[in-house]
Amino acid sequence: MTRYDSLILGGRYFDGTGGPSSIAHIAIRDGRVERVFNSEPDLSLADRVIDAEGCWVMPGFLDTHTHYDAELIVSPSLSESVRHGVTTVLIGSCSLSMVCSDAEDASDIFTRVETVPREKVLPILQQHKSWRTPSGWLSFIRQQPLGPNVISFLGHSDLRVGVMGLNRATDRKVTPTSEEMGRMEQLLAEALQLGFLGLSTMCLKWDKVDGDREWSKSLPSTYARWREVSRLNRLLRRYGRVHQARPMLPIRSRSPSICGRPWAGFANR
């Protein structure tokens, strides 16, 4: 007879479809629900039996918008999320990731936006961040004792700063050179080949840069012209991936950037 890794007995089972819950017994094999019993199963079929009477049994939650990018480096268990039933987290949202830029730049585009102390985040990155490519970041993450599964966008602000530097990436008069644009495309393609979910962009200009170099400038992705985003979107379409964005509010602007007008922000537009 079929054997199971675990049997979860007598919990109130929510199957994730939106249907009504029920008291049931759940058989798990290879990390997946193999069978749901309404009658008492044979306990000898399982290597482990868990009494779930009085508990809720449900699929793991997916937290699809976090900014755990720095926390993941020093506390990869993300124990508070796991304790609340989260089994998958998505990082790299809102143009912010910690993949391509150096330690100080990654800190300065992150800390003020996320209201976390620069004096806490910057030393963490200076101590641990030795990578500046998607493959380097992935190698680091694979060595960590992760709690939940981790999915990541590549952040557009992180990508621009990593290629152009913080000063040029936040100068409205500057557009990427052909070499810089090619490097951005190269890094994004590398990320997509490695399994990144896609690219994230931010257009809201009230999110500001930290530190004493480019203090209070808007995030680097807000300075991108549509030509730049359009070229990156071609890669996203080629790989069938996602462009996550927060559009600018529909206000008039003299800026030639993409953020001066409302836009959908999806690669398949």
C-alpha atoms as a PDB file:
ATOM      1  CA  MET A   1       0.000   0.000   0.000  1.00  0.00           C
ATOM      2  CA  THR A   2       1.038   3.612  -0.539  1.00  0.00           C
ATOM      3  CA  ARG A   3       3.112   5.017   2.300  1.00  0.00           C
ATOM      4  CA  TYR A   4       3.134   8.647   3.375  1.00  0.00           C
ATOM      5  CA  ASP A   5       5.709  10.852   5.029  1.00  0.00           C
ATOM      6  CA  SER A   6       3.121  12.323   7.410  1.00  0.00           C
ATOM      7  CA  LEU A   7      -0.498  12.052   8.428  1.00  0.00           C
ATOM      8  CA  ILE A   8      -2.149  15.155   9.891  1.00  0.00           C
ATOM      9  CA  LEU A   9      -5.165  14.035  11.881  1.00  0.00           C
ATOM     10  CA  GLY A  10      -8.407  15.753  12.786  1.00  0.00           C
ATOM     11  CA  GLY A  11      -7.678  19.373  11.905  1.00  0.00           C
ATOM     12  CA  ARG A  12     -10.073  21.799  10.285  1.00  0.00           C
ATOM     13  CA  TYR A  13      -8.886  21.646   6.705  1.00  0.00           C
ATOM     14  CA  PHE A  14      -8.978  24.630   4.334  1.00  0.00           C
ATOM     15  CA  ASP A  15      -7.922  23.496   0.868  1.00  0.00           C
ATOM     16  CA  GLY A  16      -7.258  26.974  -0.562  1.00  0.00           C
ATOM     17  CA  THR A  17     -10.008  26.867  -3.187  1.00  0.00           C
ATOM     18  CA  GLY A  18     -12.379  29.098  -1.247  1.00  0.00           C
ATOM     19  CA  GLY A  19     -14.712  26.205  -0.532  1.00  0.00           C
ATOM     20  CA  PRO A  20     -16.004  25.380   2.942  1.00  0.00           C
ATOM     21  CA  SER A  21     -13.664  23.869   5.491  1.00  0.00           C
ATOM     22  CA  SER A  22     -14.122  20.441   7.023  1.00  0.00           C
ATOM     23  CA  ILE A  23     -12.612  18.176   9.659  1.00  0.00           C
ATOM     24  CA  ALA A  24     -10.312  15.873   7.725  1.00  0.00           C
ATOM     25  CA  HIS A  25      -7.141  13.818   7.811  1.00  0.00           C
ATOM     26  CA  ILE A  26      -4.357  14.844   5.418  1.00  0.00           C
ATOM     27  CA  ALA A  27      -1.674  12.557   3.973  1.00  0.00           C
ATOM     28  CA  ILE A  28       1.589  14.221   2.942  1.00  0.00           C
ATOM     29  CA  ARG A  29       4.208  12.740   0.647  1.00  0.00           C
ATOM     30  CA  ASP A  30       7.268  14.505  -0.795  1.00  0.00           C
ATOM     31  CA  GLY A  31       6.070  17.816   0.595  1.00  0.00           C
ATOM     32  CA  ARG A  32       2.665  17.674  -1.106  1.00  0.00           C
ATOM     33  CA  VAL A  33      -0.871  16.770  -0.127  1.00  0.00           C
ATOM     34  CA  GLU A  34      -1.245  13.231  -1.431  1.00  0.00           C
ATOM     35  CA  ARG A  35      -4.713  12.394  -0.135  1.00  0.00           C
ATOM     36  CA  VAL A  36      -7.507  13.794   2.025  1.00  0.00           C
ATOM     37  CA  PHE A  37      -9.360  11.264   4.207  1.00  0.00           C
ATOM     38  CA  ASN A  38     -12.821  11.829   5.616  1.00  0.00           C
ATOM     39  CA  SER A  39     -12.637   8.534   7.497  1.00  0.00           C
ATOM     40  CA  GLU A  40      -9.910   7.352   9.879  1.00  0.00           C
ATOM     41  CA  PRO A  41      -6.779   6.379   7.893  1.00  0.00           C
ATOM     42  CA  ASP A  42      -4.438   3.498   8.684  1.00  0.00           C
ATOM     43  CA  LEU A  43      -1.784   5.101  10.911  1.00  0.00           C
ATOM     44  CA  SER A  44       0.772   2.460  10.003  1.00  0.00           C
ATOM     45  CA  LEU A  45       0.975   3.961   6.509  1.00  0.00           C
ATOM     46  CA  ALA A  46       2.827   7.058   7.744  1.00  0.00           C
ATOM     47  CA  ASP A  47       6.315   7.623   9.114  1.00  0.00           C
ATOM     48  CA  ARG A  48       4.972  10.488  11.254  1.00  0.00           C
ATOM     49  CA  VAL A  49       1.548  11.166  12.722  1.00  0.00           C
ATOM     50  CA  ILE A  50       0.509  14.684  13.822  1.00  0.00           C
ATOM     51  CA  ASP A  51      -2.527  15.300  16.016  1.00  0.00           C
ATOM     52  CA  ALA A  52      -4.130  18.502  14.668  1.00  0.00           C
ATOM     53  CA  GLU A  53      -7.389  18.383  16.641  1.00  0.00           C
ATOM     54  CA  GLY A  54      -8.485  21.947  17.424  1.00  0.00           C
ATOM     55  CA  CYS A  55      -6.087  23.395  14.829  1.00  0.00           C
ATOM     56  CA  TRP A  56      -6.523  24.777  11.341  1.00  0.00           C
ATOM     57  CA  VAL A  57      -4.709  23.018   8.506  1.00  0.00           C
ATOM     58  CA  MET A  58      -4.229  25.042   5.339  1.00  0.00           C
ATOM     59  CA  PRO A  59      -1.820  25.647   2.448  1.00  0.00           C
ATOM     60  CA  GLY A  60       1.173  27.831   3.226  1.00  0.00           C
ATOM     61  CA  PHE A  61       0.637  31.558   2.698  1.00  0.00           C
ATOM     62  CA  LEU A  62       2.444  33.426  -0.078  1.00  0.00           C
ATOM     63  CA  ASP A  63       3.550  36.904   1.012  1.00  0.00           C
ATOM     64  CA  THR A  64       3.753  38.588  -2.382  1.00  0.00           C
ATOM     65  CA  HIS A  65       5.096  41.961  -1.247  1.00  0.00           C
ATOM     66  CA  THR A  66       7.892  42.117   1.301  1.00  0.00           C
ATOM     67  CA  HIS A  67      11.059  44.139   1.711  1.00  0.00           C
ATOM     68  CA  TYR A  68      13.040  41.426   3.471  1.00  0.00           C
ATOM     69  CA  ASP A  69      16.061  42.035   1.198  1.00  0.00           C
ATOM     70  CA  ALA A  70      18.374  43.133   4.039  1.00  0.00           C
ATOM     71  CA  GLU A  71      16.787  40.999   6.756  1.00  0.00           C
ATOM     72  CA  LEU A  72      17.289  37.912   4.619  1.00  0.00           C
ATOM     73  CA  ILE A  73      21.050  38.456   4.810  1.00  0.00           C
ATOM     74  CA  VAL A  74      21.255  38.347   8.623  1.00  0.00           C
ATOM     75  CA  SER A  75      18.131  36.377   9.544  1.00  0.00           C
ATOM     76  CA  PRO A  76      17.393  34.021   6.648  1.00  0.00           C
ATOM     77  CA  SER A  77      14.959  31.944   8.696  1.00  0.00           C
ATOM     78  CA  LEU A  78      12.461  34.857   8.590  1.00  0.00           C
ATOM     79  CA  SER A  79      10.988  33.125  11.596  1.00  0.00           C
ATOM     80  CA  GLU A  80       8.164  35.582  12.257  1.00  0.00           C
ATOM     81  CA  SER A  81       6.724  35.063   8.788  1.00  0.00           C
ATOM     82  CA  VAL A  82       7.078  31.300   9.077  1.00  0.00           C
ATOM     83  CA  ARG A  83       5.419  31.384  12.506  1.00  0.00           C
ATOM     84  CA  HIS A  84       2.395  33.023  10.899  1.00  0.00           C
ATOM     85  CA  GLY A  85       2.113  30.343   8.233  1.00  0.00           C
ATOM     86  CA  VAL A  86       4.051  32.005   5.392  1.00  0.00           C
ATOM     87  CA  THR A  87       5.946  29.482   3.284  1.00  0.00           C
ATOM     88  CA  THR A  88       6.942  31.723   0.337  1.00  0.00           C
ATOM     89  CA  VAL A  89       8.067  35.366   0.324  1.00  0.00           C
ATOM     90  CA  LEU A  90       8.633  37.715  -2.596  1.00  0.00           C
ATOM     91  CA  ILE A  91      11.420  40.300  -2.309  1.00  0.00           C
ATOM     92  CA  GLY A  92      12.857  42.907  -4.670  1.00  0.00           C
ATOM     93  CA  SER A  93       9.616  44.874  -5.067  1.00  0.00           C
ATOM     94  CA  CYS A  94       9.193  48.581  -5.863  1.00  0.00           C
ATOM     95  CA  SER A  95      12.496  48.840  -7.797  1.00  0.00           C
ATOM     96  CA  LEU A  96      14.432  47.913  -4.620  1.00  0.00           C
ATOM     97  CA  SER A  97      16.681  44.878  -4.537  1.00  0.00           C
ATOM     98  CA  MET A  98      20.204  44.352  -3.199  1.00  0.00           C
ATOM     99  CA  VAL A  99      21.697  42.570  -6.176  1.00  0.00           C
ATOM    100  CA  CYS A 100      23.623  44.869  -8.539  1.00  0.00           C
ATOM    101  CA  SER A 101      24.554  47.972  -6.535  1.00  0.00           C
ATOM    102  CA  ASP A 102      27.382  48.263  -4.032  1.00  0.00           C
ATOM    103  CA  ALA A 103      26.782  48.226  -0.279  1.00  0.00           C
ATOM    104  CA  GLU A 104      26.363  51.962   0.321  1.00  0.00           C
ATOM    105  CA  ASP A 105      24.208  52.535  -2.754  1.00  0.00           C
ATOM    106  CA  ALA A 106      22.000  49.547  -1.923  1.00  0.00           C
ATOM    107  CA  SER A 107      21.544  50.902   1.591  1.00  0.00           C
ATOM    108  CA  ASP A 108      20.787  54.467   0.492  1.00  0.00           C
ATOM    109  CA  ILE A 109      18.050  53.550  -1.978  1.00  0.00           C
ATOM    110  CA  PHE A 110      16.454  51.266   0.618  1.00  0.00           C
ATOM    111  CA  THR A 111      16.572  52.599   4.156  1.00  0.00           C
ATOM    112  CA  ARG A 112      14.660  55.874   3.922  1.00  0.00           C
ATOM    113  CA  VAL A 113      11.965  54.350   1.726  1.00  0.00           C
ATOM    114  CA  GLU A 114      11.433  51.473   4.139  1.00  0.00           C
ATOM    115  CA  THR A 115      11.904  53.588   7.294  1.00  0.00           C
ATOM    116  CA  VAL A 116      14.697  51.463   8.724  1.00  0.00           C
ATOM    117  CA  PRO A 117      17.860  52.965  10.271  1.00  0.00           C
ATOM    118  CA  ARG A 118      20.713  53.481   7.832  1.00  0.00           C
ATOM    119  CA  GLU A 119      23.178  52.918  10.681  1.00  0.00           C
ATOM    120  CA  LYS A 120      21.786  49.384  11.064  1.00  0.00           C
ATOM    121  CA  VAL A 121      21.464  48.357   7.411  1.00  0.00           C
ATOM    122  CA  LEU A 122      24.686  49.812   5.981  1.00  0.00           C
ATOM    123  CA  PRO A 123      27.068  47.848   8.280  1.00  0.00           C
ATOM    124  CA  ILE A 124      25.209  44.635   7.433  1.00  0.00           C
ATOM    125  CA  LEU A 125      25.722  45.199   3.721  1.00  0.00           C
ATOM    126  CA  GLN A 126      29.323  46.325   4.152  1.00  0.00           C
ATOM    127  CA  GLN A 127      30.065  43.135   6.067  1.00  0.00           C
ATOM    128  CA  HIS A 128      28.227  40.639   3.877  1.00  0.00           C
ATOM    129  CA  LYS A 129      27.676  42.036   0.392  1.00  0.00           C
ATOM    130  CA  SER A 130      30.412  40.732  -1.885  1.00  0.00           C
ATOM    131  CA  TRP A 131      28.268  40.304  -5.018  1.00  0.00           C
ATOM    132  CA  ARG A 132      27.105  42.721  -7.715  1.00  0.00           C
ATOM    133  CA  THR A 133      25.439  40.336 -10.134  1.00  0.00           C
ATOM    134  CA  PRO A 134      22.319  38.143 -10.015  1.00  0.00           C
ATOM    135  CA  SER A 135      24.454  34.982 -10.085  1.00  0.00           C
ATOM    136  CA  GLY A 136      26.544  36.247  -7.167  1.00  0.00           C
ATOM    137  CA  TRP A 137      23.431  37.048  -5.139  1.00  0.00           C
ATOM    138  CA  LEU A 138      21.957  33.626  -5.888  1.00  0.00           C
ATOM    139  CA  SER A 139      25.167  31.887  -4.807  1.00  0.00           C
ATOM    140  CA  PHE A 140      25.018  33.735  -1.489  1.00  0.00           C
ATOM    141  CA  ILE A 141      21.325  32.962  -0.917  1.00  0.00           C
ATOM    142  CA  ARG A 142      21.799  29.271  -1.668  1.00  0.00           C
ATOM    143  CA  GLN A 143      24.273  29.054   1.212  1.00  0.00           C
ATOM    144  CA  GLN A 144      21.789  30.456   3.747  1.00  0.00           C
ATOM    145  CA  PRO A 145      19.511  28.357   6.024  1.00  0.00           C
ATOM    146  CA  LEU A 146      16.294  29.779   4.573  1.00  0.00           C
ATOM    147  CA  GLY A 147      13.004  29.448   6.414  1.00  0.00           C
ATOM    148  CA  PRO A 148      10.459  30.074   3.640  1.00  0.00           C
ATOM    149  CA  ASN A 149      10.894  29.749  -0.091  1.00  0.00           C
ATOM    150  CA  VAL A 150      12.195  32.980  -1.638  1.00  0.00           C
ATOM    151  CA  ILE A 151      11.207  34.565  -4.966  1.00  0.00           C
ATOM    152  CA  SER A 152      12.789  37.809  -6.172  1.00  0.00           C
ATOM    153  CA  PHE A 153      12.329  40.611  -8.647  1.00  0.00           C
ATOM    154  CA  LEU A 154      15.363  42.476  -9.905  1.00  0.00           C
ATOM    155  CA  GLY A 155      14.826  46.075  -8.801  1.00  0.00           C
ATOM    156  CA  HIS A 156      15.131  48.729 -11.502  1.00  0.00           C
ATOM    157  CA  SER A 157      16.620  51.296  -9.097  1.00  0.00           C
ATOM    158  CA  ASP A 158      19.178  48.725  -7.969  1.00  0.00           C
ATOM    159  CA  LEU A 159      19.952  47.847 -11.595  1.00  0.00           C
ATOM    160  CA  ARG A 160      20.380  51.501 -12.679  1.00  0.00           C
ATOM    161  CA  VAL A 161      22.599  52.358  -9.729  1.00  0.00           C
ATOM    162  CA  GLY A 162      24.695  49.246 -10.170  1.00  0.00           C
ATOM    163  CA  VAL A 163      25.437  50.210 -13.769  1.00  0.00           C
ATOM    164  CA  MET A 164      25.341  54.045 -13.741  1.00  0.00           C
ATOM    165  CA  GLY A 165      26.320  54.928 -10.181  1.00  0.00           C
ATOM    166  CA  LEU A 166      24.044  56.712  -7.726  1.00  0.00           C
ATOM    167  CA  ASN A 167      24.842  60.253  -8.910  1.00  0.00           C
ATOM    168  CA  ARG A 168      24.235  59.656 -12.624  1.00  0.00           C
ATOM    169  CA  ALA A 169      21.236  57.398 -11.972  1.00  0.00           C
ATOM    170  CA  THR A 170      19.513  60.256 -10.114  1.00  0.00           C
ATOM    171  CA  ASP A 171      20.379  63.081 -12.526  1.00  0.00           C
ATOM    172  CA  ARG A 172      17.448  64.045 -14.727  1.00  0.00           C
ATOM    173  CA  LYS A 173      19.791  65.312 -17.449  1.00  0.00           C
ATOM    174  CA  VAL A 174      21.549  61.960 -17.772  1.00  0.00           C
ATOM    175  CA  THR A 175      20.420  58.994 -19.851  1.00  0.00           C
ATOM    176  CA  PRO A 176      22.290  55.683 -19.971  1.00  0.00           C
ATOM    177  CA  THR A 177      25.031  55.395 -22.586  1.00  0.00           C
ATOM    178  CA  SER A 178      24.702  52.585 -25.103  1.00  0.00           C
ATOM    179  CA  GLU A 179      27.266  50.609 -23.097  1.00  0.00           C
ATOM    180  CA  GLU A 180      25.328  51.158 -19.863  1.00  0.00           C
ATOM    181  CA  MET A 181      22.047  50.192 -21.491  1.00  0.00           C
ATOM    182  CA  GLY A 182      23.642  47.041 -22.839  1.00  0.00           C
ATOM    183  CA  ARG A 183      24.976  46.191 -19.378  1.00  0.00           C
ATOM    184  CA  MET A 184      21.529  46.666 -17.828  1.00  0.00           C
ATOM    185  CA  GLU A 185      20.045  44.326 -20.411  1.00  0.00           C
ATOM    186  CA  GLN A 186      22.828  41.816 -19.772  1.00  0.00           C
ATOM    187  CA  LEU A 187      22.210  41.804 -16.004  1.00  0.00           C
ATOM    188  CA  LEU A 188      18.444  41.547 -16.409  1.00  0.00           C
ATOM    189  CA  ALA A 189      18.814  38.658 -18.861  1.00  0.00           C
ATOM    190  CA  GLU A 190      21.134  36.909 -16.398  1.00  0.00           C
ATOM    191  CA  ALA A 191      18.559  37.342 -13.632  1.00  0.00           C
ATOM    192  CA  LEU A 192      15.724  35.995 -15.771  1.00  0.00           C
ATOM    193  CA  GLN A 193      17.782  32.994 -16.843  1.00  0.00           C
ATOM    194  CA  LEU A 194      18.460  32.226 -13.169  1.00  0.00           C
ATOM    195  CA  GLY A 195      14.745  32.295 -12.317  1.00  0.00           C
ATOM    196  CA  PHE A 196      14.041  35.826 -11.085  1.00  0.00           C
ATOM    197  CA  LEU A 197      10.341  36.614 -11.395  1.00  0.00           C
ATOM    198  CA  GLY A 198      10.937  39.772 -13.423  1.00  0.00           C
ATOM    199  CA  LEU A 199      11.710  43.471 -13.028  1.00  0.00           C
ATOM    200  CA  SER A 200      10.219  45.884 -10.490  1.00  0.00           C
ATOM    201  CA  THR A 201       9.904  49.634 -11.054  1.00  0.00           C
ATOM    202  CA  MET A 202       8.782  52.554  -8.910  1.00  0.00           C
ATOM    203  CA  CYS A 203       7.391  55.788 -10.354  1.00  0.00           C
ATOM    204  CA  LEU A 204       6.137  57.531  -7.214  1.00  0.00           C
ATOM    205  CA  LYS A 205       8.507  60.402  -6.557  1.00  0.00           C
ATOM    206  CA  TRP A 206       7.883  60.788  -2.847  1.00  0.00           C
ATOM    207  CA  ASP A 207      10.123  57.782  -2.057  1.00  0.00           C
ATOM    208  CA  LYS A 208      13.526  59.351  -1.350  1.00  0.00           C
ATOM    209  CA  VAL A 209      17.199  58.382  -1.299  1.00  0.00           C
ATOM    210  CA  ASP A 210      19.020  58.265   2.049  1.00  0.00           C
ATOM    211  CA  GLY A 211      22.609  59.188   2.929  1.00  0.00           C
ATOM    212  CA  ASP A 212      24.570  62.407   2.508  1.00  0.00           C
ATOM    213  CA  ARG A 213      25.535  62.043  -1.170  1.00  0.00           C
ATOM    214  CA  GLU A 214      22.201  62.283  -3.044  1.00  0.00           C
ATOM    215  CA  TRP A 215      19.971  63.010  -0.064  1.00  0.00           C
ATOM    216  CA  SER A 216      16.256  63.323  -0.760  1.00  0.00           C
ATOM    217  CA  LYS A 217      16.396  62.659  -4.484  1.00  0.00           C
ATOM    218  CA  SER A 218      13.658  60.377  -5.798  1.00  0.00           C
ATOM    219  CA  LEU A 219      14.441  56.727  -6.412  1.00  0.00           C
ATOM    220  CA  PRO A 220      16.625  56.096  -9.471  1.00  0.00           C
ATOM    221  CA  SER A 221      13.921  54.292 -11.433  1.00  0.00           C
ATOM    222  CA  THR A 222      11.843  57.500 -11.528  1.00  0.00           C
ATOM    223  CA  TYR A 223      14.481  59.092 -13.771  1.00  0.00           C
ATOM    224  CA  ALA A 224      14.238  56.445 -16.500  1.00  0.00           C
ATOM    225  CA  ARG A 225      12.856  57.448 -19.898  1.00  0.00           C
ATOM    226  CA  TRP A 226      10.388  55.222 -21.642  1.00  0.00           C
ATOM    227  CA  ARG A 227      13.055  54.128 -24.162  1.00  0.00           C
ATOM    228  CA  GLU A 228      14.990  52.518 -21.331  1.00  0.00           C
ATOM    229  CA  VAL A 229      12.003  50.732 -19.841  1.00  0.00           C
ATOM    230  CA  SER A 230      10.804  49.617 -23.261  1.00  0.00           C
ATOM    231  CA  ARG A 231      14.122  47.891 -23.957  1.00  0.00           C
ATOM    232  CA  LEU A 232      14.005  46.101 -20.613  1.00  0.00           C
ATOM    233  CA  ASN A 233      10.394  45.101 -21.262  1.00  0.00           C
ATOM    234  CA  ARG A 234      11.443  43.368 -24.474  1.00  0.00           C
ATOM    235  CA  LEU A 235      13.534  41.005 -22.373  1.00  0.00           C
ATOM    236  CA  LEU A 236      10.653  40.391 -19.990  1.00  0.00           C
ATOM    237  CA  ARG A 237       8.392  39.480 -22.911  1.00  0.00           C
ATOM    238  CA  ARG A 238      11.049  37.185 -24.358  1.00  0.00           C
ATOM    239  CA  TYR A 239      11.261  35.249 -21.100  1.00  0.00           C
ATOM    240  CA  GLY A 240       7.551  35.508 -20.273  1.00  0.00           C
ATOM    241  CA  ARG A 241       8.194  37.311 -16.987  1.00  0.00           C
ATOM    242  CA  VAL A 242       6.562  40.069 -14.940  1.00  0.00           C
ATOM    243  CA  HIS A 243       7.090  43.839 -14.762  1.00  0.00           C
ATOM    244  CA  GLN A 244       5.833  44.940 -11.339  1.00  0.00           C
ATOM    245  CA  ALA A 245       5.373  48.681 -11.008  1.00  0.00           C
ATOM    246  CA  ARG A 246       3.677  51.416  -9.042  1.00  0.00           C
ATOM    247  CA  PRO A 247       2.587  54.019 -11.620  1.00  0.00           C
ATOM    248  CA  MET A 248       2.785  57.733 -10.990  1.00  0.00           C
ATOM    249  CA  LEU A 249      -0.468  59.423 -10.092  1.00  0.00           C
ATOM    250  CA  PRO A 250      -2.213  60.993 -13.128  1.00  0.00           C
ATOM    251  CA  ILE A 251      -0.795  64.502 -12.827  1.00  0.00           C
ATOM    252  CA  ARG A 252       0.775  66.776 -15.394  1.00  0.00           C
ATOM    253  CA  SER A 253       4.542  66.890 -15.492  1.00  0.00           C
ATOM    254  CA  ARG A 254       7.194  68.452 -17.693  1.00  0.00           C
ATOM    255  CA  SER A 255       9.485  65.523 -17.068  1.00  0.00           C
ATOM    256  CA  PRO A 256      10.341  63.428 -20.148  1.00  0.00           C
ATOM    257  CA  SER A 257      10.599  60.326 -17.985  1.00  0.00           C
ATOM    258  CA  ILE A 258       8.047  57.530 -17.937  1.00  0.00           C
ATOM    259  CA  CYS A 259       6.915  58.684 -14.528  1.00  0.00           C
ATOM    260  CA  GLY A 260       5.406  61.925 -15.759  1.00  0.00           C
ATOM    261  CA  ARG A 261       2.314  60.135 -17.054  1.00  0.00           C
ATOM    262  CA  PRO A 262       0.219  57.176 -15.890  1.00  0.00           C
ATOM    263  CA  TRP A 263       1.163  53.838 -17.362  1.00  0.00           C
ATOM    264  CA  ALA A 264       0.201  50.252 -16.740  1.00  0.00           C
ATOM    265  CA  GLY A 265       3.662  48.951 -15.973  1.00  0.00           C
ATOM    266  CA  PHE A 266       3.185  45.444 -17.315  1.00  0.00           C
ATOM    267  CA  ALA A 267       5.540  43.832 -19.794  1.00  0.00           C
ATOM    268  CA  ASN A 268       2.714  42.429 -21.900  1.00  0.00           C
ATOM    269  CA  ARG A 269       1.125  45.776 -22.612  1.00  0.00           C
END
